[in-house]
Each structure stands twice: as C-alpha cells, then as structure tokens.
C-alpha cells in the first residue's frame, strides 16, 4: 500500500471541485501522516546497539549525507570514548546496559565515512564543539579527531560560530539522507520526515547554515583554538 502524495491530493480535489481551503486542510493532514514519530523508549527496547544497526541500515546506499548538529559532535565523527560518554547518559535515562556494544556498533558505522562513492557534509555549531561530554581528556581527544579529518576527501566539516549571523536560530540538529529522508531528534523521540516540501525546507536551512559557517582552514583553526583553551 502506498500513501498518496501531495500532488495526488491536489489532483483529486481539483477534479472533484473541492475548494482551496478544504484542499489545504487535506494536504496538511497528509503531511502529518507522513511524519513518523518513534519514541526512543520504543526504539531502544532491544538495546542501544540495535538502534545503531538500524542507523547503519538507513545510511546504506546513501550518496550524500548532510548533518547539522547544534548540541554535540555528530555520531559518525565521535571517538569511542566520546561515544561511550554519550551512550552512558542515554543508558541512565532508559535503564539500558549495552553501552559497550553500542559503542562498537557506532564505530562500525563510521566505515561509511571512507567509501569513495559517498559524501559526508557536516555543519556543527560552536556550542556543539564546546559542550563538555565526558572528561576534559575525552573532549580534547574528540577535538583532535575532528582536526584529523582535515585531510579526508569524503568528509567536509564546517563550524557555525556563535557570532555568525543566521536567519533562523538553530533550534535542533538534523540529518539528511540524499533528498529522501530527514531525521530530527528530540529528547523523547525521533521524527522521520519524508514529505518533499519538508525535505526541501531542511535543505534550505542546511545551505543557509553552511553559507554562514567557517570552512576549510578557517574551521580547522577555530577547532584548534578551542582545543588549546582546554590545555
């Protein structure tokens, strides 16, 4: 069974002579149906590691993965110690015990970063780089990992600083898989957006944040500066 598209609804309502106001309501209802809401409690019921394997399955076959992160270093760029600190916090919330298995699964996902047929574009905020996840030593090692990515041909990392002018506040992070899916995380759930209009909006936001961010040597120098502040 296939869900109707916005174009299908508009064609159907036009053929039936339904007025614009009613048509717009039907379109909005359709869009809400096309947003998948999956609670973290449900997604992690079989453990944190299994959710990482689901993530890997979603990423398989993706040519262009674009990630905007405003709170912490993106999972695909995390060191094992940083990921361990992240998962430990999640495990405390949901009563899970498979932190080490989740760390291993996340590290395995990172193999995709080096596939020649794939591009990985990351925009992270200054806040994501400065938020302390784990000990100072873990934080320093994580920043060093980001600096080491400078020579990668398949990874592009830029930094949206606090002083950069933006047209829309970066309220939350999101990940885009080609132009077919956007994942948005909240504290309680993950939203999967598949409606073309929604995806187009997130593409626009990503491009705006990327345009305002530091790239290349400037981004590297900025990250190095934060690392020096840690000693």
Foldseek 3Di string as FASTA:
>chain_A
DDQDALVRLVVVCVVVVNDPVVSVVVNVVSQVVQKDKFWPLRLAVVHLLVNLVVVLVVQPPFAEKEKEFEAADDLLLADLVLQLLVVVVVCVVNVHDPSVSNSVSSPVSNVVQQDPSHAYEYEYEPNRLPDDRDDLVSSLVSLVSVLVCLPHPRYWYWYQYPPFDAPDDCPFMWMDRHQAWIWTDDPTIIIIGGRNVVSVVVVVRSVRSVVRTGTRPRRSVVSVVSSVVSD
